[in-house]
Amino acid sequence: MPDKKQENTSYDVKRTTLDDAARALLLGKPVVFPTDTVYGIGIAVTTAEDCSQLSEIKQRPGRKPIAWLVGGIEDIDLYGADVPEWAYELARAYWPGALTLVVRASNSVPSGFQSEDGTIGLRMPASDIALALIAACGCPLATTSANVSGNAAPAAFDELEDAILSSVDVIVKGAVHSSGVASTVVDCTGRTPRVLRQGSVQIEEASNRFA
């Protein structure tokens, strides 16, 4: 039985430049690319009404919100509403990096991207590739891990599943400069930080500092 690396060689033709990837994103197509945590699959938020195509590729039923990768802390002002000051302190302390902040969504976030509670997750990645794609598209990228729902998130190109590779036209190959651990997710809609998912950023140890 061939190993993962051998299986993936048939998709070499899909490895493209950042310009190719940006063009695909601006046409509304999903793109697989490395982030600073794991390999992700994303769409440009200005060319899609919601995240349904990402859920379909991941074979994930139902409507689960997908966080946006953004280009800087200033995007919190644009896409967040009633954001507490301590959330900005968290961003200044850990961005760019593996910390996703869940904030109340502003009117600049289409309803199809908001959670049922009217929130949106925002993260500035410490990834030159991801930041270059965000800059080229001029908008955030709704991005989730590039794996079938329930399976392990890929930390390297050779870990990408055929089901994911065959579902997209554009794949950017590059290094994931981390241990492959997903981002820490913090709810910033209450009076104090609440960790929803503990990832590589140990925010629990610093919660009192930002409360």
C-alpha atoms as a PDB file:
ATOM      1  CA  MET A   1       0.000   0.000   0.000  1.00  0.00           C
ATOM      2  CA  PRO A   2       1.556   3.361  -1.015  1.00  0.00           C
ATOM      3  CA  ASP A   3       2.398   5.801   1.717  1.00  0.00           C
ATOM      4  CA  LYS A   4       1.007   9.302   2.002  1.00  0.00           C
ATOM      5  CA  LYS A   5       3.932  10.924   0.258  1.00  0.00           C
ATOM      6  CA  GLN A   6       3.571   8.653  -2.765  1.00  0.00           C
ATOM      7  CA  GLU A   7      -0.189   9.192  -2.887  1.00  0.00           C
ATOM      8  CA  ASN A   8       0.212  12.950  -2.926  1.00  0.00           C
ATOM      9  CA  THR A   9       2.653  13.094  -5.820  1.00  0.00           C
ATOM     10  CA  SER A  10      -0.228  12.944  -8.299  1.00  0.00           C
ATOM     11  CA  TYR A  11      -1.262  16.379  -7.066  1.00  0.00           C
ATOM     12  CA  ASP A  12       2.097  18.058  -7.740  1.00  0.00           C
ATOM     13  CA  VAL A  13       0.605  19.974 -10.665  1.00  0.00           C
ATOM     14  CA  LYS A  14      -1.629  21.830  -8.200  1.00  0.00           C
ATOM     15  CA  ARG A  15       1.267  23.361  -6.294  1.00  0.00           C
ATOM     16  CA  THR A  16       1.110  26.967  -7.369  1.00  0.00           C
ATOM     17  CA  THR A  17       2.525  30.397  -6.701  1.00  0.00           C
ATOM     18  CA  LEU A  18       0.991  32.878  -4.284  1.00  0.00           C
ATOM     19  CA  ASP A  19      -0.263  34.919  -7.246  1.00  0.00           C
ATOM     20  CA  ASP A  20      -2.099  31.887  -8.593  1.00  0.00           C
ATOM     21  CA  ALA A  21      -3.582  31.227  -5.178  1.00  0.00           C
ATOM     22  CA  ALA A  22      -4.707  34.834  -4.755  1.00  0.00           C
ATOM     23  CA  ARG A  23      -6.382  34.797  -8.163  1.00  0.00           C
ATOM     24  CA  ALA A  24      -8.234  31.608  -7.258  1.00  0.00           C
ATOM     25  CA  LEU A  25      -9.366  33.084  -3.937  1.00  0.00           C
ATOM     26  CA  LEU A  26     -10.653  36.221  -5.640  1.00  0.00           C
ATOM     27  CA  LEU A  27     -12.656  34.011  -7.988  1.00  0.00           C
ATOM     28  CA  GLY A  28     -14.365  32.455  -5.000  1.00  0.00           C
ATOM     29  CA  LYS A  29     -12.403  29.209  -5.027  1.00  0.00           C
ATOM     30  CA  PRO A  30     -11.071  27.498  -1.891  1.00  0.00           C
ATOM     31  CA  VAL A  31      -7.300  27.192  -1.572  1.00  0.00           C
ATOM     32  CA  VAL A  32      -5.160  24.908   0.598  1.00  0.00           C
ATOM     33  CA  PHE A  33      -2.133  26.622   2.127  1.00  0.00           C
ATOM     34  CA  PRO A  34       0.164  26.347   5.163  1.00  0.00           C
ATOM     35  CA  THR A  35      -0.413  28.544   8.175  1.00  0.00           C
ATOM     36  CA  ASP A  36       1.666  28.884  11.324  1.00  0.00           C
ATOM     37  CA  THR A  37      -0.326  26.154  13.087  1.00  0.00           C
ATOM     38  CA  VAL A  38      -1.499  23.556  10.550  1.00  0.00           C
ATOM     39  CA  TYR A  39      -2.301  23.332   6.853  1.00  0.00           C
ATOM     40  CA  GLY A  40      -5.507  25.234   6.241  1.00  0.00           C
ATOM     41  CA  ILE A  41      -8.175  25.550   3.605  1.00  0.00           C
ATOM     42  CA  GLY A  42      -9.606  28.999   3.102  1.00  0.00           C
ATOM     43  CA  ILE A  43     -11.816  31.277   1.065  1.00  0.00           C
ATOM     44  CA  ALA A  44     -11.778  35.040   0.564  1.00  0.00           C
ATOM     45  CA  VAL A  45     -14.662  36.474   2.565  1.00  0.00           C
ATOM     46  CA  THR A  46     -15.581  39.037  -0.100  1.00  0.00           C
ATOM     47  CA  THR A  47     -16.264  36.393  -2.736  1.00  0.00           C
ATOM     48  CA  ALA A  48     -18.436  33.968  -0.755  1.00  0.00           C
ATOM     49  CA  GLU A  49     -21.719  34.324   1.105  1.00  0.00           C
ATOM     50  CA  ASP A  50     -20.835  31.844   3.821  1.00  0.00           C
ATOM     51  CA  CYS A  51     -18.564  28.923   4.753  1.00  0.00           C
ATOM     52  CA  SER A  52     -20.745  26.193   3.258  1.00  0.00           C
ATOM     53  CA  GLN A  53     -18.209  25.137   0.640  1.00  0.00           C
ATOM     54  CA  LEU A  54     -15.552  24.629   3.319  1.00  0.00           C
ATOM     55  CA  SER A  55     -17.949  22.529   5.399  1.00  0.00           C
ATOM     56  CA  GLU A  56     -18.757  20.476   2.321  1.00  0.00           C
ATOM     57  CA  ILE A  57     -15.078  19.801   1.601  1.00  0.00           C
ATOM     58  CA  LYS A  58     -14.486  18.845   5.241  1.00  0.00           C
ATOM     59  CA  GLN A  59     -17.574  16.606   5.087  1.00  0.00           C
ATOM     60  CA  ARG A  60     -18.914  18.359   8.152  1.00  0.00           C
ATOM     61  CA  PRO A  61     -22.697  18.550   8.560  1.00  0.00           C
ATOM     62  CA  GLY A  62     -24.450  21.543   9.987  1.00  0.00           C
ATOM     63  CA  ARG A  63     -23.422  25.167  10.248  1.00  0.00           C
ATOM     64  CA  LYS A  64     -20.294  25.618  12.312  1.00  0.00           C
ATOM     65  CA  PRO A  65     -18.635  29.057  12.260  1.00  0.00           C
ATOM     66  CA  ILE A  66     -15.139  29.311  10.814  1.00  0.00           C
ATOM     67  CA  ALA A  67     -12.636  31.864  12.058  1.00  0.00           C
ATOM     68  CA  TRP A  68     -11.122  34.533   9.847  1.00  0.00           C
ATOM     69  CA  LEU A  69      -7.407  35.055   9.348  1.00  0.00           C
ATOM     70  CA  VAL A  70      -6.772  38.807   9.355  1.00  0.00           C
ATOM     71  CA  GLY A  71      -3.862  41.052   8.507  1.00  0.00           C
ATOM     72  CA  GLY A  72      -3.490  43.036  11.717  1.00  0.00           C
ATOM     73  CA  ILE A  73      -4.865  44.218  15.045  1.00  0.00           C
ATOM     74  CA  GLU A  74      -6.696  47.074  13.325  1.00  0.00           C
ATOM     75  CA  ASP A  75      -9.049  44.502  11.820  1.00  0.00           C
ATOM     76  CA  ILE A  76     -10.541  43.990  15.273  1.00  0.00           C
ATOM     77  CA  ASP A  77     -11.988  47.517  14.972  1.00  0.00           C
ATOM     78  CA  LEU A  78     -13.438  46.751  11.546  1.00  0.00           C
ATOM     79  CA  TYR A  79     -14.933  43.332  12.175  1.00  0.00           C
ATOM     80  CA  GLY A  80     -15.554  43.420  15.936  1.00  0.00           C
ATOM     81  CA  ALA A  81     -18.158  45.304  17.951  1.00  0.00           C
ATOM     82  CA  ASP A  82     -18.079  46.261  21.629  1.00  0.00           C
ATOM     83  CA  VAL A  83     -14.660  44.630  21.990  1.00  0.00           C
ATOM     84  CA  PRO A  84     -13.224  45.009  25.516  1.00  0.00           C
ATOM     85  CA  GLU A  85      -9.822  46.618  25.947  1.00  0.00           C
ATOM     86  CA  TRP A  86      -8.339  43.442  27.405  1.00  0.00           C
ATOM     87  CA  ALA A  87      -9.040  41.684  24.096  1.00  0.00           C
ATOM     88  CA  TYR A  88      -6.796  44.211  22.372  1.00  0.00           C
ATOM     89  CA  GLU A  89      -4.172  43.532  25.031  1.00  0.00           C
ATOM     90  CA  LEU A  90      -4.353  39.835  24.204  1.00  0.00           C
ATOM     91  CA  ALA A  91      -3.922  40.616  20.520  1.00  0.00           C
ATOM     92  CA  ARG A  92      -0.958  42.886  21.185  1.00  0.00           C
ATOM     93  CA  ALA A  93       0.633  40.197  23.353  1.00  0.00           C
ATOM     94  CA  TYR A  94       0.108  37.185  21.095  1.00  0.00           C
ATOM     95  CA  TRP A  95      -0.457  38.416  17.515  1.00  0.00           C
ATOM     96  CA  PRO A  96       0.802  37.453  15.082  1.00  0.00           C
ATOM     97  CA  GLY A  97       0.443  33.977  16.502  1.00  0.00           C
ATOM     98  CA  ALA A  98      -1.728  31.047  17.444  1.00  0.00           C
ATOM     99  CA  LEU A  99      -4.493  32.878  19.287  1.00  0.00           C
ATOM    100  CA  THR A 100      -8.043  33.204  17.972  1.00  0.00           C
ATOM    101  CA  LEU A 101     -10.216  35.867  19.587  1.00  0.00           C
ATOM    102  CA  VAL A 102     -13.982  35.388  19.425  1.00  0.00           C
ATOM    103  CA  VAL A 103     -15.671  38.798  19.418  1.00  0.00           C
ATOM    104  CA  ARG A 104     -19.096  40.186  18.710  1.00  0.00           C
ATOM    105  CA  ALA A 105     -19.339  40.678  14.954  1.00  0.00           C
ATOM    106  CA  SER A 106     -19.760  44.126  13.484  1.00  0.00           C
ATOM    107  CA  ASN A 107     -22.001  44.941  10.530  1.00  0.00           C
ATOM    108  CA  SER A 108     -18.949  44.422   8.301  1.00  0.00           C
ATOM    109  CA  VAL A 109     -19.223  40.667   8.876  1.00  0.00           C
ATOM    110  CA  PRO A 110     -21.852  39.066   6.596  1.00  0.00           C
ATOM    111  CA  SER A 111     -24.447  37.075   8.505  1.00  0.00           C
ATOM    112  CA  GLY A 112     -23.392  33.898   6.709  1.00  0.00           C
ATOM    113  CA  PHE A 113     -20.026  34.041   8.461  1.00  0.00           C
ATOM    114  CA  GLN A 114     -21.316  34.838  11.936  1.00  0.00           C
ATOM    115  CA  SER A 115     -22.119  32.257  14.575  1.00  0.00           C
ATOM    116  CA  GLU A 116     -25.699  31.849  15.746  1.00  0.00           C
ATOM    117  CA  ASP A 117     -24.766  34.146  18.631  1.00  0.00           C
ATOM    118  CA  GLY A 118     -23.536  36.864  16.270  1.00  0.00           C
ATOM    119  CA  THR A 119     -19.832  36.372  16.886  1.00  0.00           C
ATOM    120  CA  ILE A 120     -16.757  35.941  14.682  1.00  0.00           C
ATOM    121  CA  GLY A 121     -13.345  34.462  15.422  1.00  0.00           C
ATOM    122  CA  LEU A 122     -10.337  36.561  14.362  1.00  0.00           C
ATOM    123  CA  ARG A 123      -6.659  35.623  14.244  1.00  0.00           C
ATOM    124  CA  MET A 124      -3.539  37.191  12.777  1.00  0.00           C
ATOM    125  CA  PRO A 125      -1.289  34.294  11.731  1.00  0.00           C
ATOM    126  CA  ALA A 126       2.489  34.274  12.103  1.00  0.00           C
ATOM    127  CA  SER A 127       2.804  32.962   8.552  1.00  0.00           C
ATOM    128  CA  ASP A 128       4.328  34.868   5.652  1.00  0.00           C
ATOM    129  CA  ILE A 129       2.304  32.809   3.176  1.00  0.00           C
ATOM    130  CA  ALA A 130      -1.021  33.375   4.901  1.00  0.00           C
ATOM    131  CA  LEU A 131      -0.360  37.090   5.416  1.00  0.00           C
ATOM    132  CA  ALA A 132       0.681  37.476   1.770  1.00  0.00           C
ATOM    133  CA  LEU A 133      -2.577  35.900   0.612  1.00  0.00           C
ATOM    134  CA  ILE A 134      -4.608  38.147   2.914  1.00  0.00           C
ATOM    135  CA  ALA A 135      -2.795  41.214   1.562  1.00  0.00           C
ATOM    136  CA  ALA A 136      -3.187  40.107  -2.050  1.00  0.00           C
ATOM    137  CA  CYS A 137      -6.913  39.524  -1.620  1.00  0.00           C
ATOM    138  CA  GLY A 138      -7.444  42.701   0.380  1.00  0.00           C
ATOM    139  CA  CYS A 139      -9.702  40.897   2.835  1.00  0.00           C
ATOM    140  CA  PRO A 140      -9.653  38.236   5.546  1.00  0.00           C
ATOM    141  CA  LEU A 141      -9.636  34.554   4.698  1.00  0.00           C
ATOM    142  CA  ALA A 142     -12.177  32.277   6.379  1.00  0.00           C
ATOM    143  CA  THR A 143      -9.862  29.378   7.150  1.00  0.00           C
ATOM    144  CA  THR A 144     -10.196  25.993   8.793  1.00  0.00           C
ATOM    145  CA  SER A 145      -7.839  23.064   9.136  1.00  0.00           C
ATOM    146  CA  ALA A 146      -7.432  21.139   5.882  1.00  0.00           C
ATOM    147  CA  ASN A 147      -8.728  17.782   7.043  1.00  0.00           C
ATOM    148  CA  VAL A 148     -11.899  15.738   6.870  1.00  0.00           C
ATOM    149  CA  SER A 149     -13.943  16.443   9.993  1.00  0.00           C
ATOM    150  CA  GLY A 150     -12.924  14.157  12.841  1.00  0.00           C
ATOM    151  CA  ASN A 151      -9.487  13.390  11.419  1.00  0.00           C
ATOM    152  CA  ALA A 152      -6.156  14.817  12.535  1.00  0.00           C
ATOM    153  CA  ALA A 153      -5.229  18.275  11.291  1.00  0.00           C
ATOM    154  CA  PRO A 154      -2.242  18.139   8.887  1.00  0.00           C
ATOM    155  CA  ALA A 155       1.005  19.751  10.005  1.00  0.00           C
ATOM    156  CA  ALA A 156       2.786  18.969   6.710  1.00  0.00           C
ATOM    157  CA  PHE A 157       1.930  18.631   3.038  1.00  0.00           C
ATOM    158  CA  ASP A 158       2.422  14.877   3.107  1.00  0.00           C
ATOM    159  CA  GLU A 159      -0.258  14.588   5.789  1.00  0.00           C
ATOM    160  CA  LEU A 160      -2.976  16.076   3.564  1.00  0.00           C
ATOM    161  CA  GLU A 161      -5.746  13.614   2.766  1.00  0.00           C
ATOM    162  CA  ASP A 162      -6.720  12.706  -0.783  1.00  0.00           C
ATOM    163  CA  ALA A 163     -10.291  13.784  -0.025  1.00  0.00           C
ATOM    164  CA  ILE A 164      -9.023  17.307   0.615  1.00  0.00           C
ATOM    165  CA  LEU A 165      -6.490  17.423  -2.203  1.00  0.00           C
ATOM    166  CA  SER A 166      -9.011  16.287  -4.793  1.00  0.00           C
ATOM    167  CA  SER A 167     -11.557  18.909  -3.696  1.00  0.00           C
ATOM    168  CA  VAL A 168      -9.516  22.000  -4.580  1.00  0.00           C
ATOM    169  CA  ASP A 169      -7.798  23.342  -7.680  1.00  0.00           C
ATOM    170  CA  VAL A 170      -5.047  25.261  -5.927  1.00  0.00           C
ATOM    171  CA  ILE A 171      -2.594  24.086  -3.287  1.00  0.00           C
ATOM    172  CA  VAL A 172       0.307  26.154  -1.963  1.00  0.00           C
ATOM    173  CA  LYS A 173       3.122  24.071  -0.572  1.00  0.00           C
ATOM    174  CA  GLY A 174       5.187  25.440   2.298  1.00  0.00           C
ATOM    175  CA  ALA A 175       6.399  24.825   5.809  1.00  0.00           C
ATOM    176  CA  VAL A 176       4.215  24.952   8.903  1.00  0.00           C
ATOM    177  CA  HIS A 177       6.493  26.519  11.511  1.00  0.00           C
ATOM    178  CA  SER A 178       4.912  24.958  14.574  1.00  0.00           C
ATOM    179  CA  SER A 179       4.280  21.631  16.245  1.00  0.00           C
ATOM    180  CA  GLY A 180       1.024  21.237  14.345  1.00  0.00           C
ATOM    181  CA  VAL A 181      -1.081  22.307  17.322  1.00  0.00           C
ATOM    182  CA  ALA A 182      -4.196  24.332  16.559  1.00  0.00           C
ATOM    183  CA  SER A 183      -4.657  27.858  17.877  1.00  0.00           C
ATOM    184  CA  THR A 184      -5.952  28.672  21.319  1.00  0.00           C
ATOM    185  CA  VAL A 185      -9.483  30.098  21.123  1.00  0.00           C
ATOM    186  CA  VAL A 186     -10.619  32.718  23.637  1.00  0.00           C
ATOM    187  CA  ASP A 187     -14.153  34.058  24.021  1.00  0.00           C
ATOM    188  CA  CYS A 188     -13.920  37.840  24.330  1.00  0.00           C
ATOM    189  CA  THR A 189     -17.640  38.568  24.575  1.00  0.00           C
ATOM    190  CA  GLY A 190     -17.870  38.489  28.365  1.00  0.00           C
ATOM    191  CA  ARG A 191     -16.336  40.465  31.196  1.00  0.00           C
ATOM    192  CA  THR A 192     -13.199  38.302  31.353  1.00  0.00           C
ATOM    193  CA  PRO A 193     -11.376  35.979  28.931  1.00  0.00           C
ATOM    194  CA  ARG A 194     -12.838  32.478  28.616  1.00  0.00           C
ATOM    195  CA  VAL A 195     -10.771  29.768  26.939  1.00  0.00           C
ATOM    196  CA  LEU A 196     -12.899  27.746  24.513  1.00  0.00           C
ATOM    197  CA  ARG A 197     -10.025  25.650  23.190  1.00  0.00           C
ATOM    198  CA  GLN A 198      -6.565  25.329  24.646  1.00  0.00           C
ATOM    199  CA  GLY A 199      -3.970  25.268  21.880  1.00  0.00           C
ATOM    200  CA  SER A 200      -0.317  26.148  21.635  1.00  0.00           C
ATOM    201  CA  VAL A 201      -0.731  29.541  23.357  1.00  0.00           C
ATOM    202  CA  GLN A 202      -1.050  28.917  27.108  1.00  0.00           C
ATOM    203  CA  ILE A 203      -3.514  31.690  27.737  1.00  0.00           C
ATOM    204  CA  GLU A 204      -4.988  30.120  30.892  1.00  0.00           C
ATOM    205  CA  GLU A 205      -1.785  30.918  32.748  1.00  0.00           C
ATOM    206  CA  ALA A 206      -2.099  34.572  31.786  1.00  0.00           C
ATOM    207  CA  SER A 207      -5.872  35.060  32.083  1.00  0.00           C
ATOM    208  CA  ASN A 208      -5.693  37.039  35.333  1.00  0.00           C
ATOM    209  CA  ARG A 209      -3.349  39.510  33.708  1.00  0.00           C
ATOM    210  CA  PHE A 210      -5.994  40.469  31.170  1.00  0.00           C
ATOM    211  CA  ALA A 211      -9.110  40.272  33.308  1.00  0.00           C
END
